[in-house]
């Protein structure tokens, strides 16, 4: 955990005073597929026919390779098995 002292106008009971940075050693995902990445702002602009803002601010979705949902599901099953073997049910 990395603590920060960022000044904010937001009352402290609405926001935590730190950010969590997660790191991971990764390997090439297999099988993988290509999906488009977008964001809530772009989706809002598309729904309201404001495509010119998407182009102006370069908010177009872009493709990225990701691990398939089937592989992710299997990884989670193995994680559950690991927790079971360790007796970790919390």
PDB file of N, CA and C in Angstrom:
ATOM      1  N   UNK A   1       0.846  -1.161   0.000  1.00  0.00           N
ATOM      2  CA  UNK A   1       0.000   0.000   0.000  1.00  0.00           C
ATOM      3  C   UNK A   1       0.896   1.231   0.000  1.00  0.00           C
ATOM      4  N   UNK A   2       0.522   2.217  -0.817  1.00  0.00           N
ATOM      5  CA  UNK A   2       1.254   3.468  -0.904  1.00  0.00           C
ATOM      6  C   UNK A   2       0.332   4.568  -0.407  1.00  0.00           C
ATOM      7  N   UNK A   3       0.737   5.257   0.644  1.00  0.00           N
ATOM      8  CA  UNK A   3      -0.077   6.363   1.163  1.00  0.00           C
ATOM      9  C   UNK A   3       0.344   7.662   0.498  1.00  0.00           C
ATOM     10  N   UNK A   4      -0.649   8.508   0.249  1.00  0.00           N
ATOM     11  CA  UNK A   4      -0.375   9.789  -0.387  1.00  0.00           C
ATOM     12  C   UNK A   4      -0.952  10.912   0.463  1.00  0.00           C
ATOM     13  N   UNK A   5      -0.482  12.081   0.254  1.00  0.00           N
ATOM     14  CA  UNK A   5      -1.021  13.272   0.911  1.00  0.00           C
ATOM     15  C   UNK A   5      -1.510  14.234  -0.157  1.00  0.00           C
ATOM     16  N   UNK A   6      -2.523  13.829  -0.878  1.00  0.00           N
ATOM     17  CA  UNK A   6      -3.063  14.633  -1.960  1.00  0.00           C
ATOM     18  C   UNK A   6      -4.170  15.520  -1.400  1.00  0.00           C
ATOM     19  N   UNK A   7      -4.042  16.813  -1.616  1.00  0.00           N
ATOM     20  CA  UNK A   7      -5.067  17.749  -1.160  1.00  0.00           C
ATOM     21  C   UNK A   7      -6.331  17.540  -1.974  1.00  0.00           C
ATOM     22  N   UNK A   8      -7.469  17.612  -1.302  1.00  0.00           N
ATOM     23  CA  UNK A   8      -8.726  17.373  -1.994  1.00  0.00           C
ATOM     24  C   UNK A   8      -9.818  18.215  -1.364  1.00  0.00           C
ATOM     25  N   UNK A   9     -10.783  18.613  -2.176  1.00  0.00           N
ATOM     26  CA  UNK A   9     -11.955  19.326  -1.670  1.00  0.00           C
ATOM     27  C   UNK A   9     -13.060  18.366  -1.273  1.00  0.00           C
ATOM     28  N   UNK A  10     -12.844  17.085  -1.492  1.00  0.00           N
ATOM     29  CA  UNK A  10     -13.839  16.073  -1.158  1.00  0.00           C
ATOM     30  C   UNK A  10     -13.685  15.722   0.322  1.00  0.00           C
ATOM     31  N   UNK A  11     -14.780  15.721   1.092  1.00  0.00           N
ATOM     32  CA  UNK A  11     -14.675  15.361   2.510  1.00  0.00           C
ATOM     33  C   UNK A  11     -14.034  13.983   2.684  1.00  0.00           C
ATOM     34  N   UNK A  12     -13.202  13.836   3.697  1.00  0.00           N
ATOM     35  CA  UNK A  12     -12.437  12.605   3.889  1.00  0.00           C
ATOM     36  C   UNK A  12     -13.304  11.383   4.161  1.00  0.00           C
ATOM     37  N   UNK A  13     -14.526  11.567   4.634  1.00  0.00           N
ATOM     38  CA  UNK A  13     -15.373  10.397   4.863  1.00  0.00           C
ATOM     39  C   UNK A  13     -15.916   9.811   3.560  1.00  0.00           C
ATOM     40  N   UNK A  14     -15.663  10.475   2.425  1.00  0.00           N
ATOM     41  CA  UNK A  14     -16.097   9.963   1.127  1.00  0.00           C
ATOM     42  C   UNK A  14     -14.963   9.342   0.323  1.00  0.00           C
ATOM     43  N   UNK A  15     -13.715   9.554   0.759  1.00  0.00           N
ATOM     44  CA  UNK A  15     -12.598   9.103  -0.047  1.00  0.00           C
ATOM     45  C   UNK A  15     -11.471   8.605   0.854  1.00  0.00           C
ATOM     46  N   UNK A  16     -10.848   7.509   0.470  1.00  0.00           N
ATOM     47  CA  UNK A  16      -9.718   7.001   1.230  1.00  0.00           C
ATOM     48  C   UNK A  16      -8.483   7.845   0.936  1.00  0.00           C
ATOM     49  N   UNK A  17      -7.530   7.874   1.863  1.00  0.00           N
ATOM     50  CA  UNK A  17      -6.359   8.726   1.697  1.00  0.00           C
ATOM     51  C   UNK A  17      -5.165   7.977   1.114  1.00  0.00           C
ATOM     52  N   UNK A  18      -5.425   6.872   0.428  1.00  0.00           N
ATOM     53  CA  UNK A  18      -4.337   6.116  -0.179  1.00  0.00           C
ATOM     54  C   UNK A  18      -4.839   5.411  -1.433  1.00  0.00           C
ATOM     55  N   UNK A  19      -3.897   4.973  -2.230  1.00  0.00           N
ATOM     56  CA  UNK A  19      -4.232   4.166  -3.400  1.00  0.00           C
ATOM     57  C   UNK A  19      -3.595   2.802  -3.219  1.00  0.00           C
ATOM     58  N   UNK A  20      -4.184   1.814  -3.804  1.00  0.00           N
ATOM     59  CA  UNK A  20      -3.642   0.461  -3.748  1.00  0.00           C
ATOM     60  C   UNK A  20      -3.069   0.144  -5.117  1.00  0.00           C
ATOM     61  N   UNK A  21      -1.794  -0.207  -5.141  1.00  0.00           N
ATOM     62  CA  UNK A  21      -1.126  -0.567  -6.380  1.00  0.00           C
ATOM     63  C   UNK A  21      -0.871  -2.064  -6.325  1.00  0.00           C
ATOM     64  N   UNK A  22      -1.472  -2.790  -7.254  1.00  0.00           N
ATOM     65  CA  UNK A  22      -1.271  -4.226  -7.297  1.00  0.00           C
ATOM     66  C   UNK A  22      -0.274  -4.552  -8.398  1.00  0.00           C
ATOM     67  N   UNK A  23       0.671  -5.401  -8.071  1.00  0.00           N
ATOM     68  CA  UNK A  23       1.638  -5.841  -9.075  1.00  0.00           C
ATOM     69  C   UNK A  23       1.513  -7.343  -9.241  1.00  0.00           C
ATOM     70  N   UNK A  24       1.963  -7.813 -10.364  1.00  0.00           N
ATOM     71  CA  UNK A  24       1.825  -9.222 -10.653  1.00  0.00           C
ATOM     72  C   UNK A  24       2.878  -9.613 -11.686  1.00  0.00           C
ATOM     73  N   UNK A  25       3.457 -10.756 -11.494  1.00  0.00           N
ATOM     74  CA  UNK A  25       4.330 -11.316 -12.521  1.00  0.00           C
ATOM     75  C   UNK A  25       3.411 -12.101 -13.443  1.00  0.00           C
ATOM     76  N   UNK A  26       3.452 -11.784 -14.713  1.00  0.00           N
ATOM     77  CA  UNK A  26       2.498 -12.401 -15.626  1.00  0.00           C
ATOM     78  C   UNK A  26       3.187 -13.282 -16.649  1.00  0.00           C
ATOM     79  N   UNK A  27       2.398 -14.081 -17.250  1.00  0.00           N
ATOM     80  CA  UNK A  27       2.821 -14.932 -18.342  1.00  0.00           C
ATOM     81  C   UNK A  27       1.844 -14.685 -19.483  1.00  0.00           C
ATOM     82  N   UNK A  28       2.201 -15.093 -20.640  1.00  0.00           N
ATOM     83  CA  UNK A  28       1.326 -14.885 -21.786  1.00  0.00           C
ATOM     84  C   UNK A  28       0.040 -15.695 -21.603  1.00  0.00           C
ATOM     85  N   UNK A  29      -1.075 -15.006 -21.660  1.00  0.00           N
ATOM     86  CA  UNK A  29      -2.371 -15.656 -21.474  1.00  0.00           C
ATOM     87  C   UNK A  29      -2.678 -16.580 -22.649  1.00  0.00           C
ATOM     88  N   UNK A  30      -3.246 -17.727 -22.323  1.00  0.00           N
ATOM     89  CA  UNK A  30      -3.660 -18.654 -23.370  1.00  0.00           C
ATOM     90  C   UNK A  30      -4.859 -19.437 -22.868  1.00  0.00           C
ATOM     91  N   UNK A  31      -5.880 -19.600 -23.601  1.00  0.00           N
ATOM     92  CA  UNK A  31      -6.122 -18.948 -24.897  1.00  0.00           C
ATOM     93  C   UNK A  31      -6.527 -17.494 -24.681  1.00  0.00           C
ATOM     94  N   UNK A  32      -6.314 -16.701 -25.707  1.00  0.00           N
ATOM     95  CA  UNK A  32      -6.674 -15.287 -25.611  1.00  0.00           C
ATOM     96  C   UNK A  32      -7.543 -14.901 -26.809  1.00  0.00           C
ATOM     97  N   UNK A  33      -8.178 -13.757 -26.662  1.00  0.00           N
ATOM     98  CA  UNK A  33      -9.011 -13.219 -27.733  1.00  0.00           C
ATOM     99  C   UNK A  33      -8.835 -11.710 -27.753  1.00  0.00           C
ATOM    100  N   UNK A  34      -9.198 -11.096 -28.840  1.00  0.00           N
ATOM    101  CA  UNK A  34      -9.078  -9.647 -28.962  1.00  0.00           C
ATOM    102  C   UNK A  34     -10.441  -9.011 -28.715  1.00  0.00           C
ATOM    103  N   UNK A  35     -10.481  -8.085 -27.752  1.00  0.00           N
ATOM    104  CA  UNK A  35     -11.706  -7.354 -27.426  1.00  0.00           C
ATOM    105  C   UNK A  35     -11.419  -5.864 -27.458  1.00  0.00           C
ATOM    106  N   UNK A  36     -12.470  -5.077 -27.665  1.00  0.00           N
ATOM    107  CA  UNK A  36     -12.310  -3.626 -27.651  1.00  0.00           C
ATOM    108  C   UNK A  36     -12.434  -3.101 -26.226  1.00  0.00           C
ATOM    109  N   UNK A  37     -11.544  -2.171 -25.871  1.00  0.00           N
ATOM    110  CA  UNK A  37     -11.560  -1.515 -24.575  1.00  0.00           C
ATOM    111  C   UNK A  37     -12.186  -0.148 -24.759  1.00  0.00           C
ATOM    112  N   UNK A  38     -13.077   0.202 -23.844  1.00  0.00           N
ATOM    113  CA  UNK A  38     -13.736   1.496 -23.894  1.00  0.00           C
ATOM    114  C   UNK A  38     -13.843   2.029 -22.469  1.00  0.00           C
ATOM    115  N   UNK A  39     -14.639   3.066 -22.276  1.00  0.00           N
ATOM    116  CA  UNK A  39     -14.836   3.614 -20.944  1.00  0.00           C
ATOM    117  C   UNK A  39     -16.240   4.192 -20.835  1.00  0.00           C
ATOM    118  N   UNK A  40     -16.625   4.555 -19.623  1.00  0.00           N
ATOM    119  CA  UNK A  40     -17.985   5.052 -19.390  1.00  0.00           C
ATOM    120  C   UNK A  40     -18.245   6.379 -20.094  1.00  0.00           C
ATOM    121  N   UNK A  41     -17.246   7.216 -20.192  1.00  0.00           N
ATOM    122  CA  UNK A  41     -17.427   8.507 -20.856  1.00  0.00           C
ATOM    123  C   UNK A  41     -17.739   8.295 -22.333  1.00  0.00           C
ATOM    124  N   UNK A  42     -16.967   7.436 -22.983  1.00  0.00           N
ATOM    125  CA  UNK A  42     -17.206   7.156 -24.402  1.00  0.00           C
ATOM    126  C   UNK A  42     -18.593   6.564 -24.614  1.00  0.00           C
ATOM    127  N   UNK A  43     -18.976   5.628 -23.759  1.00  0.00           N
ATOM    128  CA  UNK A  43     -20.307   5.015 -23.893  1.00  0.00           C
ATOM    129  C   UNK A  43     -21.411   6.059 -23.733  1.00  0.00           C
ATOM    130  N   UNK A  44     -21.236   6.960 -22.778  1.00  0.00           N
ATOM    131  CA  UNK A  44     -22.220   8.035 -22.584  1.00  0.00           C
ATOM    132  C   UNK A  44     -22.299   8.918 -23.827  1.00  0.00           C
ATOM    133  N   UNK A  45     -21.148   9.303 -24.349  1.00  0.00           N
ATOM    134  CA  UNK A  45     -21.124  10.164 -25.534  1.00  0.00           C
ATOM    135  C   UNK A  45     -21.765   9.475 -26.735  1.00  0.00           C
ATOM    136  N   UNK A  46     -21.514   8.178 -26.895  1.00  0.00           N
ATOM    137  CA  UNK A  46     -22.140   7.427 -28.001  1.00  0.00           C
ATOM    138  C   UNK A  46     -23.648   7.391 -27.839  1.00  0.00           C
ATOM    139  N   UNK A  47     -24.131   7.134 -26.634  1.00  0.00           N
ATOM    140  CA  UNK A  47     -25.576   7.053 -26.393  1.00  0.00           C
ATOM    141  C   UNK A  47     -26.274   8.389 -26.626  1.00  0.00           C
ATOM    142  N   UNK A  48     -25.534   9.470 -26.494  1.00  0.00           N
ATOM    143  CA  UNK A  48     -26.114  10.801 -26.672  1.00  0.00           C
ATOM    144  C   UNK A  48     -25.704  11.453 -27.991  1.00  0.00           C
ATOM    145  N   UNK A  49     -25.247  10.623 -28.931  1.00  0.00           N
ATOM    146  CA  UNK A  49     -24.885  11.084 -30.273  1.00  0.00           C
ATOM    147  C   UNK A  49     -23.889  12.252 -30.255  1.00  0.00           C
ATOM    148  N   UNK A  50     -22.850  12.108 -29.440  1.00  0.00           N
ATOM    149  CA  UNK A  50     -21.820  13.140 -29.340  1.00  0.00           C
ATOM    150  C   UNK A  50     -20.477  12.596 -29.826  1.00  0.00           C
ATOM    151  N   UNK A  51     -20.526  11.939 -30.988  1.00  0.00           N
ATOM    152  CA  UNK A  51     -19.328  11.316 -31.546  1.00  0.00           C
ATOM    153  C   UNK A  51     -18.213  12.319 -31.828  1.00  0.00           C
ATOM    154  N   UNK A  52     -18.576  13.582 -32.099  1.00  0.00           N
ATOM    155  CA  UNK A  52     -17.540  14.576 -32.379  1.00  0.00           C
ATOM    156  C   UNK A  52     -16.621  14.787 -31.168  1.00  0.00           C
ATOM    157  N   UNK A  53     -17.157  14.648 -29.963  1.00  0.00           N
ATOM    158  CA  UNK A  53     -16.323  14.767 -28.761  1.00  0.00           C
ATOM    159  C   UNK A  53     -15.398  13.556 -28.610  1.00  0.00           C
ATOM    160  N   UNK A  54     -15.903  12.403 -29.003  1.00  0.00           N
ATOM    161  CA  UNK A  54     -15.073  11.189 -28.969  1.00  0.00           C
ATOM    162  C   UNK A  54     -13.871  11.370 -29.885  1.00  0.00           C
ATOM    163  N   UNK A  55     -14.113  11.904 -31.071  1.00  0.00           N
ATOM    164  CA  UNK A  55     -13.018  12.137 -32.025  1.00  0.00           C
ATOM    165  C   UNK A  55     -12.093  13.261 -31.559  1.00  0.00           C
ATOM    166  N   UNK A  56     -12.671  14.335 -31.052  1.00  0.00           N
ATOM    167  CA  UNK A  56     -11.871  15.480 -30.610  1.00  0.00           C
ATOM    168  C   UNK A  56     -10.891  15.086 -29.501  1.00  0.00           C
ATOM    169  N   UNK A  57     -11.362  14.278 -28.551  1.00  0.00           N
ATOM    170  CA  UNK A  57     -10.534  13.924 -27.394  1.00  0.00           C
ATOM    171  C   UNK A  57      -9.939  12.517 -27.480  1.00  0.00           C
ATOM    172  N   UNK A  58      -9.968  11.943 -28.692  1.00  0.00           N
ATOM    173  CA  UNK A  58      -9.336  10.640 -28.948  1.00  0.00           C
ATOM    174  C   UNK A  58      -9.783   9.576 -27.949  1.00  0.00           C
ATOM    175  N   UNK A  59     -11.104   9.417 -27.829  1.00  0.00           N
ATOM    176  CA  UNK A  59     -11.689   8.477 -26.867  1.00  0.00           C
ATOM    177  C   UNK A  59     -12.226   7.212 -27.528  1.00  0.00           C
ATOM    178  N   UNK A  60     -11.767   6.930 -28.750  1.00  0.00           N
ATOM    179  CA  UNK A  60     -12.274   5.764 -29.453  1.00  0.00           C
ATOM    180  C   UNK A  60     -11.837   4.474 -28.759  1.00  0.00           C
ATOM    181  N   UNK A  61     -12.721   3.469 -28.758  1.00  0.00           N
ATOM    182  CA  UNK A  61     -12.315   2.160 -28.236  1.00  0.00           C
ATOM    183  C   UNK A  61     -11.139   1.613 -29.043  1.00  0.00           C
ATOM    184  N   UNK A  62     -10.326   0.779 -28.396  1.00  0.00           N
ATOM    185  CA  UNK A  62      -9.187   0.184 -29.083  1.00  0.00           C
ATOM    186  C   UNK A  62      -9.091  -1.293 -28.715  1.00  0.00           C
ATOM    187  N   UNK A  63      -8.543  -2.115 -29.624  1.00  0.00           N
ATOM    188  CA  UNK A  63      -8.467  -3.553 -29.362  1.00  0.00           C
ATOM    189  C   UNK A  63      -7.303  -3.899 -28.433  1.00  0.00           C
ATOM    190  N   UNK A  64      -7.524  -4.929 -27.616  1.00  0.00           N
ATOM    191  CA  UNK A  64      -6.485  -5.430 -26.726  1.00  0.00           C
ATOM    192  C   UNK A  64      -6.684  -6.943 -26.589  1.00  0.00           C
ATOM    193  N   UNK A  65      -5.593  -7.671 -26.482  1.00  0.00           N
ATOM    194  CA  UNK A  65      -5.687  -9.115 -26.295  1.00  0.00           C
ATOM    195  C   UNK A  65      -5.880  -9.420 -24.821  1.00  0.00           C
ATOM    196  N   UNK A  66      -6.874 -10.245 -24.530  1.00  0.00           N
ATOM    197  CA  UNK A  66      -7.186 -10.625 -23.155  1.00  0.00           C
ATOM    198  C   UNK A  66      -7.361 -12.136 -23.067  1.00  0.00           C
ATOM    199  N   UNK A  67      -7.183 -12.643 -21.880  1.00  0.00           N
ATOM    200  CA  UNK A  67      -7.414 -14.065 -21.631  1.00  0.00           C
ATOM    201  C   UNK A  67      -8.911 -14.351 -21.782  1.00  0.00           C
ATOM    202  N   UNK A  68      -9.273 -15.480 -22.360  1.00  0.00           N
ATOM    203  CA  UNK A  68     -10.693 -15.804 -22.561  1.00  0.00           C
ATOM    204  C   UNK A  68     -11.391 -16.025 -21.226  1.00  0.00           C
ATOM    205  N   UNK A  69     -12.684 -15.819 -21.222  1.00  0.00           N
ATOM    206  CA  UNK A  69     -13.484 -15.987 -20.007  1.00  0.00           C
ATOM    207  C   UNK A  69     -13.442 -17.435 -19.527  1.00  0.00           C
ATOM    208  N   UNK A  70     -13.363 -18.370 -20.452  1.00  0.00           N
ATOM    209  CA  UNK A  70     -13.299 -19.788 -20.055  1.00  0.00           C
ATOM    210  C   UNK A  70     -12.026 -20.071 -19.262  1.00  0.00           C
ATOM    211  N   UNK A  71     -10.914 -19.523 -19.700  1.00  0.00           N
ATOM    212  CA  UNK A  71      -9.644 -19.720 -18.983  1.00  0.00           C
ATOM    213  C   UNK A  71      -9.696 -19.060 -17.611  1.00  0.00           C
ATOM    214  N   UNK A  72     -10.257 -17.858 -17.556  1.00  0.00           N
ATOM    215  CA  UNK A  72     -10.379 -17.162 -16.273  1.00  0.00           C
ATOM    216  C   UNK A  72     -11.235 -17.977 -15.314  1.00  0.00           C
ATOM    217  N   UNK A  73     -12.313 -18.553 -15.813  1.00  0.00           N
ATOM    218  CA  UNK A  73     -13.193 -19.380 -14.981  1.00  0.00           C
ATOM    219  C   UNK A  73     -12.431 -20.585 -14.415  1.00  0.00           C
ATOM    220  N   UNK A  74     -11.666 -21.257 -15.254  1.00  0.00           N
ATOM    221  CA  UNK A  74     -10.878 -22.411 -14.806  1.00  0.00           C
ATOM    222  C   UNK A  74      -9.845 -21.982 -13.765  1.00  0.00           C
ATOM    223  N   UNK A  75      -9.191 -20.833 -13.969  1.00  0.00           N
ATOM    224  CA  UNK A  75      -8.228 -20.317 -12.985  1.00  0.00           C
ATOM    225  C   UNK A  75      -8.896 -20.108 -11.630  1.00  0.00           C
ATOM    226  N   UNK A  76     -10.119 -19.598 -11.626  1.00  0.00           N
ATOM    227  CA  UNK A  76     -10.843 -19.362 -10.371  1.00  0.00           C
ATOM    228  C   UNK A  76     -11.203 -20.687  -9.697  1.00  0.00           C
ATOM    229  N   UNK A  77     -11.564 -21.687 -10.490  1.00  0.00           N
ATOM    230  CA  UNK A  77     -11.866 -23.017  -9.924  1.00  0.00           C
ATOM    231  C   UNK A  77     -10.624 -23.571  -9.221  1.00  0.00           C
ATOM    232  N   UNK A  78      -9.461 -23.459  -9.879  1.00  0.00           N
ATOM    233  CA  UNK A  78      -8.224 -23.937  -9.259  1.00  0.00           C
ATOM    234  C   UNK A  78      -7.903 -23.145  -7.991  1.00  0.00           C
ATOM    235  N   UNK A  79      -8.189 -21.850  -7.977  1.00  0.00           N
ATOM    236  CA  UNK A  79      -7.952 -21.038  -6.775  1.00  0.00           C
ATOM    237  C   UNK A  79      -8.833 -21.520  -5.631  1.00  0.00           C
ATOM    238  N   UNK A  80     -10.083 -21.854  -5.932  1.00  0.00           N
ATOM    239  CA  UNK A  80     -10.985 -22.382  -4.898  1.00  0.00           C
ATOM    240  C   UNK A  80     -10.429 -23.692  -4.357  1.00  0.00           C
ATOM    241  N   UNK A  81      -9.931 -24.546  -5.230  1.00  0.00           N
ATOM    242  CA  UNK A  81      -9.332 -25.821  -4.797  1.00  0.00           C
ATOM    243  C   UNK A  81      -8.122 -25.562  -3.897  1.00  0.00           C
ATOM    244  N   UNK A  82      -7.282 -24.594  -4.258  1.00  0.00           N
ATOM    245  CA  UNK A  82      -6.122 -24.254  -3.425  1.00  0.00           C
ATOM    246  C   UNK A  82      -6.559 -23.797  -2.038  1.00  0.00           C
ATOM    247  N   UNK A  83      -7.565 -22.899  -1.984  1.00  0.00           N
ATOM    248  CA  UNK A  83      -8.065 -22.431  -0.683  1.00  0.00           C
ATOM    249  C   UNK A  83      -8.622 -23.591   0.127  1.00  0.00           C
ATOM    250  N   UNK A  84      -9.311 -24.507  -0.525  1.00  0.00           N
ATOM    251  CA  UNK A  84      -9.877 -25.665   0.169  1.00  0.00           C
ATOM    252  C   UNK A  84      -8.764 -26.522   0.769  1.00  0.00           C
ATOM    253  N   UNK A  85      -7.713 -26.796  -0.014  1.00  0.00           N
ATOM    254  CA  UNK A  85      -6.601 -27.599   0.493  1.00  0.00           C
ATOM    255  C   UNK A  85      -5.901 -26.950   1.678  1.00  0.00           C
ATOM    256  N   UNK A  86      -5.870 -25.604   1.691  1.00  0.00           N
ATOM    257  CA  UNK A  86      -5.238 -24.884   2.805  1.00  0.00           C
ATOM    258  C   UNK A  86      -6.205 -24.721   3.989  1.00  0.00           C
ATOM    259  N   UNK A  87      -7.474 -25.052   3.784  1.00  0.00           N
ATOM    260  CA  UNK A  87      -8.481 -24.861   4.831  1.00  0.00           C
ATOM    261  C   UNK A  87      -8.826 -23.393   5.042  1.00  0.00           C
ATOM    262  N   UNK A  88      -8.605 -22.582   4.029  1.00  0.00           N
ATOM    263  CA  UNK A  88      -8.863 -21.142   4.119  1.00  0.00           C
ATOM    264  C   UNK A  88     -10.257 -20.849   3.571  1.00  0.00           C
ATOM    265  N   UNK A  89     -11.237 -20.703   4.468  1.00  0.00           N
ATOM    266  CA  UNK A  89     -12.622 -20.494   4.034  1.00  0.00           C
ATOM    267  C   UNK A  89     -13.118 -19.077   4.295  1.00  0.00           C
ATOM    268  N   UNK A  90     -12.229 -18.168   4.592  1.00  0.00           N
ATOM    269  CA  UNK A  90     -12.663 -16.793   4.875  1.00  0.00           C
ATOM    270  C   UNK A  90     -12.665 -15.974   3.644  1.00  0.00           C
TER     271      UNK A  90
END
